[in-house]
Amino acid sequence: MRLLESLRIAITGLLSNRLRSVLTMLGIVIGVAAVIALVSFGQGFQQFVTARFQALGSNLITVFPTRPGGPNSQNVKPKPLTMSDVQAISNPIYVTGVTAVAPVYNVSGAVTANGNSLTMNVQGTTPAWQVVRDWAVADGRFIDQDDVNGTANVAVLGSTTVSKLFDDGSDPVGQLVNIKDIPFRVIGVLVSKGGFGDADQVVIVPLTTAQKHLGETARRASNGEFTVSTVLVKAVNEQQMSTVQAEITQLLTERHDIQFVGLEDFRVLSQEQILTTVNNVTGLITLFLGVVAGISLVVGGIGVMNIMLVSVTERTREIGLRKAVGARYFDLLSQFLIESTALSLGGGLLGVLLGALVAYIGSQLIPNLTLSITPAAVILAAGVSIAIGIFFGVYPASRAAALNPIEALRYE
């Protein structure tokens, strides 16, 4: 009963100073709302980035040229990735567990059609690109081996490219687009897939066409062989990815005559590695946002302590009277701890509601971000609010409980 009586007295004390109680709770409300909203934004951004990378394709391994590092790299002349490297990677004798291999030759240039122009990256590749990227065609067809063998001037466009070049709503299939002032006939349009950045802003042409008609002679290897910008490899399943990655690394190390670790002129990255790196970065961003928002919670806790000290001072005679009629140390301690905890918990619950409202408004303003409040976040916010009430209420409560009843009764 003593605890229930302390609760009743604490609530009565808070209600007797409604405005002061509301203003004190406001600091906790803002702090909890900031934590909830910012963490929600951080998690939503992390999910957004992860989904965009996953849209690149499943079980994807990317091979690309790079400059050697280390103290001995100055004397090393890096070798580019060539078509013979692609053929070696495609050979099951050297690399096992591969579904498809798609070389990509990137060319930057102006793409014009229908009076509109875009300066963008054009990708020359093979029919295997569609398998590697898991990308379907919405209209028309994708490039085939005959297009590659015949160096055909045909192109497949992404949905964003279509919307920008053919803004009049006309069907692009069968029409001409100029790539670096060379006419190409559109044979297909890819389904809208999304991806990191705007992956739907893409133009796909046959690999040989890009290398011979759009590429530069300087981008050939020293022996005259055509180079490629990247090699996309699709593993049979997720379990095979590490094996495929290791076999490609070993194969290219031998083909490029790499003598020492660190002098590699290529990188082999799996989709899992990229996602792990990205998630680590976005996770740190989310943590940083939470810590920054948590500072306002500390400020709100200090406000609770300040008001509780004022309350103890104002009610000194009441405390003395209660002690004189038999109130114990624990009774007074629990009374003021309940007051501070009630302030913090009430502010925390209101903060959760405010944070959820901010997250909802944010999701409406930024449709690409999925912002949600998880039950764990609500429980954490309530727990932190209670902890703040207890932590910052202990000193005022113990000070009230330790007052000498005689001196308290004489207090004016």
Protein backbone atom coordinates (compact mmCIF):
# COMPACT_ATOMS: atom_id res chain seq x y z
CA MET A 1 0.00 0.00 0.00
CA ARG A 2 2.85 2.37 0.77
CA LEU A 3 4.00 2.16 -2.88
CA LEU A 4 0.50 2.84 -4.18
CA GLU A 5 0.20 5.79 -1.82
CA SER A 6 3.54 7.15 -3.05
CA LEU A 7 2.28 6.79 -6.62
CA ARG A 8 -0.92 8.69 -5.79
CA ILE A 9 0.99 11.51 -4.09
CA ALA A 10 3.48 11.71 -6.97
CA ILE A 11 0.74 11.97 -9.60
CA THR A 12 -1.08 14.58 -7.51
CA GLY A 13 2.12 16.62 -7.28
CA LEU A 14 2.65 16.51 -11.05
CA LEU A 15 -0.95 17.48 -11.80
CA SER A 16 -0.78 20.41 -9.40
CA ASN A 17 1.89 21.96 -11.63
CA ARG A 18 0.61 20.94 -15.07
CA LEU A 19 2.42 23.57 -17.15
CA ARG A 20 5.76 22.92 -15.47
CA SER A 21 5.31 19.18 -15.88
CA VAL A 22 4.47 19.54 -19.57
CA LEU A 23 7.46 21.79 -20.23
CA THR A 24 9.73 19.37 -18.39
CA MET A 25 8.39 16.44 -20.42
CA LEU A 26 8.97 18.41 -23.63
CA GLY A 27 12.72 17.85 -23.45
CA ILE A 28 12.22 14.08 -23.21
CA VAL A 29 9.59 14.17 -25.98
CA ILE A 30 11.93 15.93 -28.39
CA GLY A 31 14.86 13.70 -27.47
CA VAL A 32 12.98 10.42 -27.92
CA ALA A 33 11.30 11.65 -31.12
CA ALA A 34 14.68 12.64 -32.55
CA VAL A 35 16.17 9.24 -31.75
CA ILE A 36 13.19 7.35 -33.18
CA ALA A 37 12.98 9.46 -36.35
CA LEU A 38 16.70 9.61 -37.11
CA VAL A 39 17.26 5.90 -36.47
CA SER A 40 14.25 5.16 -38.68
CA PHE A 41 15.73 7.33 -41.44
CA GLY A 42 19.10 5.62 -41.04
CA GLN A 43 17.61 2.13 -41.22
CA GLY A 44 15.44 3.13 -44.17
CA PHE A 45 18.49 4.45 -46.03
CA GLN A 46 20.36 1.22 -45.26
CA GLN A 47 17.49 -0.87 -46.64
CA PHE A 48 17.29 1.39 -49.70
CA VAL A 49 20.99 1.01 -50.52
CA THR A 50 20.91 -2.76 -49.90
CA ALA A 51 17.92 -3.19 -52.20
CA ARG A 52 19.60 -1.16 -54.93
CA PHE A 53 22.73 -3.31 -54.82
CA GLN A 54 20.67 -6.49 -54.79
CA ALA A 55 18.90 -5.22 -57.91
CA LEU A 56 22.20 -5.47 -59.77
CA GLY A 57 21.69 -9.24 -59.91
CA SER A 58 21.93 -12.30 -57.68
CA ASN A 59 25.16 -14.25 -57.02
CA LEU A 60 27.06 -11.54 -58.87
CA ILE A 61 30.86 -11.29 -59.00
CA THR A 62 32.50 -8.26 -60.61
CA VAL A 63 36.00 -8.26 -62.07
CA PHE A 64 37.55 -4.91 -62.98
CA PRO A 65 41.06 -3.56 -63.68
CA THR A 66 42.88 -1.48 -61.09
CA ARG A 67 46.33 -0.09 -60.46
CA PRO A 68 48.70 -2.15 -58.31
CA GLY A 69 49.45 -0.87 -54.82
CA GLY A 70 52.40 -1.21 -52.46
CA PRO A 71 55.97 0.09 -52.41
CA ASN A 72 57.05 -1.92 -55.48
CA SER A 73 54.13 -0.95 -57.68
CA GLN A 74 55.96 1.90 -59.46
CA ASN A 75 57.88 -0.54 -61.63
CA VAL A 76 54.82 -2.65 -62.48
CA LYS A 77 52.98 -1.98 -65.73
CA PRO A 78 49.36 -3.01 -65.21
CA LYS A 79 47.68 -5.14 -67.85
CA PRO A 80 44.10 -4.46 -68.89
CA LEU A 81 41.34 -7.04 -68.91
CA THR A 82 41.04 -8.46 -72.41
CA MET A 83 38.69 -10.72 -74.34
CA SER A 84 41.10 -13.61 -73.84
CA ASP A 85 40.73 -13.12 -70.08
CA VAL A 86 36.96 -13.30 -70.54
CA GLN A 87 37.27 -16.51 -72.54
CA ALA A 88 39.50 -18.03 -69.85
CA ILE A 89 37.03 -17.11 -67.09
CA SER A 90 34.23 -18.66 -69.18
CA ASN A 91 36.17 -21.93 -69.54
CA PRO A 92 34.89 -24.46 -66.95
CA ILE A 93 38.35 -26.06 -66.91
CA TYR A 94 39.69 -22.97 -65.11
CA VAL A 95 36.64 -21.65 -63.28
CA THR A 96 33.85 -23.92 -62.05
CA GLY A 97 30.39 -23.12 -60.72
CA VAL A 98 29.66 -20.33 -63.21
CA THR A 99 26.28 -19.82 -64.87
CA ALA A 100 27.15 -16.95 -67.22
CA VAL A 101 29.96 -14.49 -67.96
CA ALA A 102 29.25 -11.07 -69.48
CA PRO A 103 32.08 -8.76 -70.58
CA VAL A 104 31.20 -5.06 -70.51
CA TYR A 105 32.86 -2.31 -72.51
CA ASN A 106 31.83 1.16 -71.28
CA VAL A 107 31.79 4.17 -73.58
CA SER A 108 30.74 7.66 -72.55
CA GLY A 109 29.04 9.81 -75.13
CA ALA A 110 26.00 11.76 -76.27
CA VAL A 111 22.82 9.81 -76.96
CA THR A 112 20.25 11.78 -78.95
CA ALA A 113 16.77 11.02 -80.25
CA ASN A 114 13.52 12.80 -80.88
CA GLY A 115 15.16 16.19 -80.34
CA ASN A 116 16.45 15.22 -76.87
CA SER A 117 20.02 14.51 -75.80
CA LEU A 118 21.67 12.68 -72.91
CA THR A 119 25.36 12.44 -72.07
CA MET A 120 25.67 9.05 -70.47
CA ASN A 121 27.51 5.76 -70.23
CA VAL A 122 26.79 3.26 -73.01
CA GLN A 123 27.46 -0.41 -72.25
CA GLY A 124 28.65 -2.80 -74.91
CA THR A 125 28.06 -6.40 -73.88
CA THR A 126 26.85 -9.85 -74.94
CA PRO A 127 23.51 -11.69 -74.55
CA ALA A 128 24.82 -13.18 -71.28
CA TRP A 129 24.43 -9.75 -69.67
CA GLN A 130 20.69 -10.28 -69.42
CA VAL A 131 21.24 -13.58 -67.57
CA VAL A 132 23.87 -12.14 -65.24
CA ARG A 133 21.78 -9.10 -64.36
CA ASP A 134 18.44 -10.97 -64.16
CA TRP A 135 16.90 -8.23 -66.29
CA ALA A 136 13.84 -8.86 -68.44
CA VAL A 137 12.73 -7.02 -71.57
CA ALA A 138 9.41 -5.16 -71.42
CA ASP A 139 9.11 -4.53 -75.16
CA GLY A 140 10.97 -5.88 -78.17
CA ARG A 141 13.99 -8.11 -77.60
CA PHE A 142 17.48 -8.12 -76.15
CA ILE A 143 20.64 -8.28 -78.26
CA ASP A 144 21.52 -11.77 -79.49
CA GLN A 145 24.68 -13.50 -80.69
CA ASP A 146 23.96 -12.58 -84.33
CA ASP A 147 24.02 -8.90 -83.33
CA VAL A 148 27.40 -9.43 -81.66
CA ASN A 149 28.85 -11.45 -84.54
CA GLY A 150 27.56 -9.00 -87.14
CA THR A 151 28.63 -5.84 -85.22
CA ALA A 152 25.07 -4.61 -85.58
CA ASN A 153 24.08 -1.03 -84.82
CA VAL A 154 21.21 -1.94 -82.50
CA ALA A 155 20.44 -0.76 -78.98
CA VAL A 156 18.35 -1.73 -75.98
CA LEU A 157 17.21 1.13 -73.74
CA GLY A 158 16.38 1.37 -70.06
CA SER A 159 13.04 2.78 -68.97
CA THR A 160 14.51 6.07 -67.72
CA THR A 161 16.41 6.54 -70.98
CA VAL A 162 13.16 6.03 -72.88
CA SER A 163 11.24 8.52 -70.74
CA LYS A 164 13.91 11.20 -71.30
CA LEU A 165 14.55 10.65 -75.00
CA PHE A 166 11.01 9.79 -76.10
CA ASP A 167 9.11 12.17 -73.85
CA ASP A 168 6.28 12.41 -76.36
CA GLY A 169 5.13 8.91 -75.36
CA SER A 170 5.95 7.30 -78.70
CA ASP A 171 7.08 3.67 -78.89
CA PRO A 172 10.91 3.69 -79.16
CA VAL A 173 11.18 0.16 -80.60
CA GLY A 174 12.08 0.44 -84.28
CA GLN A 175 13.13 4.09 -84.04
CA LEU A 176 16.65 5.45 -84.37
CA VAL A 177 18.88 6.91 -81.69
CA ASN A 178 22.26 8.50 -82.34
CA ILE A 179 25.12 7.39 -80.11
CA LYS A 180 28.20 9.55 -80.63
CA ASP A 181 26.59 10.66 -83.93
CA ILE A 182 26.23 7.05 -85.13
CA PRO A 183 22.64 5.85 -85.79
CA PHE A 184 21.41 2.81 -83.85
CA ARG A 185 18.04 1.13 -84.20
CA VAL A 186 16.20 0.47 -80.93
CA ILE A 187 15.25 -3.21 -80.69
CA GLY A 188 14.05 -3.41 -77.10
CA VAL A 189 13.19 -1.69 -73.83
CA LEU A 190 14.14 -3.14 -70.44
CA VAL A 191 11.66 -3.41 -67.59
CA SER A 192 12.01 -0.80 -64.87
CA LYS A 193 14.18 -2.40 -62.22
CA GLY A 194 15.74 0.34 -60.15
CA GLY A 195 19.19 -0.05 -58.73
CA PHE A 196 21.97 1.97 -57.19
CA GLY A 197 21.71 5.47 -58.59
CA ASP A 198 19.40 5.33 -61.60
CA ALA A 199 20.21 1.96 -63.16
CA ASP A 200 17.25 2.33 -65.54
CA GLN A 201 19.13 5.08 -67.37
CA VAL A 202 21.08 2.64 -69.51
CA VAL A 203 21.83 1.95 -73.15
CA ILE A 204 22.96 -1.55 -74.16
CA VAL A 205 24.65 -2.23 -77.53
CA PRO A 206 26.51 -5.31 -78.85
CA LEU A 207 30.00 -5.66 -77.42
CA THR A 208 31.73 -5.73 -80.81
CA THR A 209 29.85 -2.63 -81.94
CA ALA A 210 30.96 -0.68 -78.87
CA GLN A 211 34.56 -1.83 -79.27
CA LYS A 212 34.87 -1.19 -83.00
CA HIS A 213 32.53 1.72 -83.68
CA LEU A 214 32.29 3.58 -80.38
CA GLY A 215 35.56 2.73 -78.64
CA GLU A 216 38.98 4.29 -78.98
CA THR A 217 42.05 2.59 -80.41
CA ALA A 218 44.02 3.69 -77.33
CA ARG A 219 41.81 1.44 -75.23
CA ARG A 220 43.16 -1.70 -76.91
CA ALA A 221 45.84 -3.85 -75.29
CA SER A 222 49.45 -3.59 -76.47
CA ASN A 223 49.00 -6.66 -78.67
CA GLY A 224 46.00 -5.07 -80.37
CA GLU A 225 43.45 -7.19 -78.52
CA PHE A 226 40.19 -5.54 -77.49
CA THR A 227 39.92 -4.67 -73.81
CA VAL A 228 36.87 -4.73 -71.57
CA SER A 229 35.92 -2.38 -68.74
CA THR A 230 34.50 -5.03 -66.41
CA VAL A 231 33.57 -8.69 -66.39
CA LEU A 232 30.31 -9.70 -64.73
CA VAL A 233 30.18 -13.31 -63.51
CA LYS A 234 27.08 -15.07 -62.21
CA ALA A 235 27.76 -18.00 -59.88
CA VAL A 236 25.50 -21.06 -59.83
CA ASN A 237 24.45 -20.35 -56.26
CA GLU A 238 25.47 -18.35 -53.22
CA GLN A 239 27.51 -21.25 -51.79
CA GLN A 240 29.72 -21.30 -54.90
CA MET A 241 30.57 -17.60 -54.85
CA SER A 242 33.68 -17.81 -52.69
CA THR A 243 35.03 -20.70 -54.78
CA VAL A 244 34.36 -18.87 -58.05
CA GLN A 245 35.97 -15.72 -56.67
CA ALA A 246 39.09 -17.60 -55.58
CA GLU A 247 39.43 -19.44 -58.91
CA ILE A 248 39.08 -16.21 -60.94
CA THR A 249 41.69 -14.55 -58.74
CA GLN A 250 44.10 -17.46 -59.20
CA LEU A 251 43.48 -17.56 -62.97
CA LEU A 252 44.08 -13.86 -63.55
CA THR A 253 47.09 -13.87 -61.25
CA GLU A 254 48.72 -16.45 -63.52
CA ARG A 255 47.57 -14.83 -66.77
CA HIS A 256 48.79 -11.36 -65.72
CA ASP A 257 52.03 -12.76 -64.32
CA ILE A 258 51.54 -11.31 -60.83
CA GLN A 259 54.62 -12.15 -58.76
CA PHE A 260 53.71 -10.73 -55.36
CA VAL A 261 50.56 -10.16 -53.34
CA GLY A 262 49.51 -6.51 -53.56
CA LEU A 263 50.71 -6.07 -57.14
CA GLU A 264 47.48 -7.32 -58.70
CA ASP A 265 46.21 -5.16 -61.56
CA PHE A 266 42.65 -6.37 -61.09
CA ARG A 267 40.01 -6.75 -58.37
CA VAL A 268 37.48 -9.52 -57.92
CA LEU A 269 34.59 -8.44 -55.73
CA SER A 270 31.53 -10.44 -54.81
CA GLN A 271 28.15 -8.88 -54.26
CA GLU A 272 28.30 -10.03 -50.63
CA GLN A 273 31.55 -8.12 -50.05
CA ILE A 274 30.09 -4.95 -51.54
CA LEU A 275 26.93 -5.28 -49.45
CA THR A 276 28.95 -5.92 -46.28
CA THR A 277 31.02 -2.79 -46.88
CA VAL A 278 27.98 -0.68 -47.67
CA ASN A 279 26.05 -1.99 -44.66
CA ASN A 280 29.01 -1.24 -42.39
CA VAL A 281 29.06 2.35 -43.62
CA THR A 282 25.30 2.87 -43.41
CA GLY A 283 25.26 1.17 -40.00
CA LEU A 284 27.83 3.66 -38.72
CA ILE A 285 25.76 6.51 -40.13
CA THR A 286 22.67 5.19 -38.32
CA LEU A 287 24.64 4.85 -35.07
CA PHE A 288 26.02 8.37 -35.44
CA LEU A 289 22.52 9.77 -35.99
CA GLY A 290 21.30 7.92 -32.90
CA VAL A 291 24.15 9.24 -30.76
CA VAL A 292 23.60 12.82 -31.94
CA ALA A 293 19.89 12.56 -31.18
CA GLY A 294 20.68 10.92 -27.83
CA ILE A 295 22.43 14.09 -26.70
CA SER A 296 19.05 15.82 -26.56
CA LEU A 297 17.84 13.02 -24.25
CA VAL A 298 20.64 13.83 -21.82
CA VAL A 299 19.66 17.51 -21.95
CA GLY A 300 16.05 16.50 -21.25
CA GLY A 301 17.23 14.38 -18.30
CA ILE A 302 19.09 17.35 -16.85
CA GLY A 303 15.87 19.32 -17.14
CA VAL A 304 14.05 16.63 -15.16
CA MET A 305 16.68 16.76 -12.42
CA ASN A 306 16.48 20.54 -12.28
CA ILE A 307 12.69 20.57 -11.91
CA MET A 308 12.80 17.81 -9.28
CA LEU A 309 15.29 19.82 -7.23
CA VAL A 310 12.97 22.82 -7.46
CA SER A 311 10.06 20.60 -6.40
CA VAL A 312 11.99 19.31 -3.39
CA THR A 313 12.82 22.86 -2.32
CA GLU A 314 9.20 24.01 -2.72
CA ARG A 315 7.85 21.06 -0.72
CA THR A 316 10.37 21.09 2.11
CA ARG A 317 7.72 21.75 4.78
CA GLU A 318 5.50 18.99 3.32
CA ILE A 319 8.46 16.58 3.49
CA GLY A 320 9.12 17.55 7.12
CA LEU A 321 5.48 17.06 8.01
CA ARG A 322 5.35 13.63 6.37
CA LYS A 323 8.50 12.59 8.22
CA ALA A 324 7.06 13.87 11.51
CA VAL A 325 3.99 11.63 11.14
CA GLY A 326 6.04 8.53 10.33
CA ALA A 327 7.08 8.62 6.65
CA ARG A 328 10.22 6.59 6.18
CA TYR A 329 13.27 7.24 3.99
CA PHE A 330 12.05 4.73 1.38
CA ASP A 331 8.59 6.36 1.24
CA LEU A 332 9.96 9.76 0.31
CA LEU A 333 12.59 8.30 -2.00
CA SER A 334 9.97 6.30 -3.94
CA GLN A 335 7.63 9.29 -4.13
CA PHE A 336 10.08 11.55 -5.89
CA LEU A 337 11.53 8.75 -8.00
CA ILE A 338 8.03 7.95 -9.20
CA GLU A 339 7.49 11.61 -10.09
CA SER A 340 10.68 11.82 -12.15
CA THR A 341 10.05 8.44 -13.78
CA ALA A 342 6.46 9.39 -14.65
CA LEU A 343 7.70 12.59 -16.28
CA SER A 344 10.30 10.73 -18.33
CA LEU A 345 8.06 7.80 -19.26
CA GLY A 346 5.22 10.08 -20.30
CA GLY A 347 7.61 12.13 -22.39
CA GLY A 348 9.08 8.96 -23.89
CA LEU A 349 5.69 7.62 -24.99
CA LEU A 350 4.73 10.98 -26.50
CA GLY A 351 8.16 11.08 -28.16
CA VAL A 352 7.52 7.69 -29.77
CA LEU A 353 4.26 9.00 -31.22
CA LEU A 354 5.95 12.17 -32.48
CA GLY A 355 8.86 10.18 -33.95
CA ALA A 356 6.42 7.84 -35.71
CA LEU A 357 4.59 10.85 -37.14
CA VAL A 358 7.85 12.34 -38.43
CA ALA A 359 8.81 8.98 -39.97
CA TYR A 360 5.40 8.72 -41.64
CA ILE A 361 5.67 12.23 -43.09
CA GLY A 362 9.22 11.44 -44.25
CA SER A 363 8.07 8.26 -46.02
CA GLN A 364 5.40 10.28 -47.84
CA LEU A 365 7.90 12.93 -48.90
CA ILE A 366 10.58 10.36 -49.88
CA PRO A 367 8.70 7.35 -51.35
CA ASN A 368 11.93 5.46 -52.05
CA LEU A 369 12.66 5.18 -48.33
CA THR A 370 10.79 2.63 -46.23
CA LEU A 371 10.51 4.21 -42.79
CA SER A 372 8.98 2.17 -40.00
CA ILE A 373 8.99 2.08 -36.21
CA THR A 374 9.86 -1.38 -34.92
CA PRO A 375 8.55 -2.75 -31.58
CA ALA A 376 12.16 -2.98 -30.43
CA ALA A 377 12.55 0.78 -30.95
CA VAL A 378 9.41 1.48 -28.89
CA ILE A 379 10.56 -0.81 -26.07
CA LEU A 380 14.03 0.74 -26.17
CA ALA A 381 12.60 4.27 -26.05
CA ALA A 382 10.38 3.37 -23.07
CA GLY A 383 13.29 1.69 -21.30
CA VAL A 384 15.61 4.63 -21.89
CA SER A 385 12.94 7.04 -20.66
CA ILE A 386 12.51 5.07 -17.42
CA ALA A 387 16.29 4.87 -17.00
CA ILE A 388 16.61 8.64 -17.46
CA GLY A 389 13.85 9.25 -14.90
CA ILE A 390 15.55 7.03 -12.34
CA PHE A 391 19.08 8.22 -13.04
CA PHE A 392 18.33 11.92 -12.96
CA GLY A 393 15.75 11.55 -10.20
CA VAL A 394 17.91 9.68 -7.69
CA TYR A 395 19.78 12.74 -6.41
CA PRO A 396 16.69 14.96 -5.85
CA ALA A 397 14.79 12.02 -4.31
CA SER A 398 17.63 11.06 -1.96
CA ARG A 399 18.06 14.70 -1.01
CA ALA A 400 14.38 14.93 -0.13
CA ALA A 401 14.44 11.66 1.82
CA ALA A 402 17.52 12.72 3.80
CA LEU A 403 16.06 16.04 5.04
CA ASN A 404 16.01 16.52 8.80
CA PRO A 405 12.30 16.74 9.80
CA ILE A 406 12.87 19.48 12.38
CA GLU A 407 14.80 21.69 9.96
CA ALA A 408 12.27 20.91 7.22
CA LEU A 409 9.36 22.02 9.39
CA ARG A 410 11.16 25.29 10.22
CA TYR A 411 11.87 25.97 6.51
CA GLU A 412 10.26 29.16 5.20
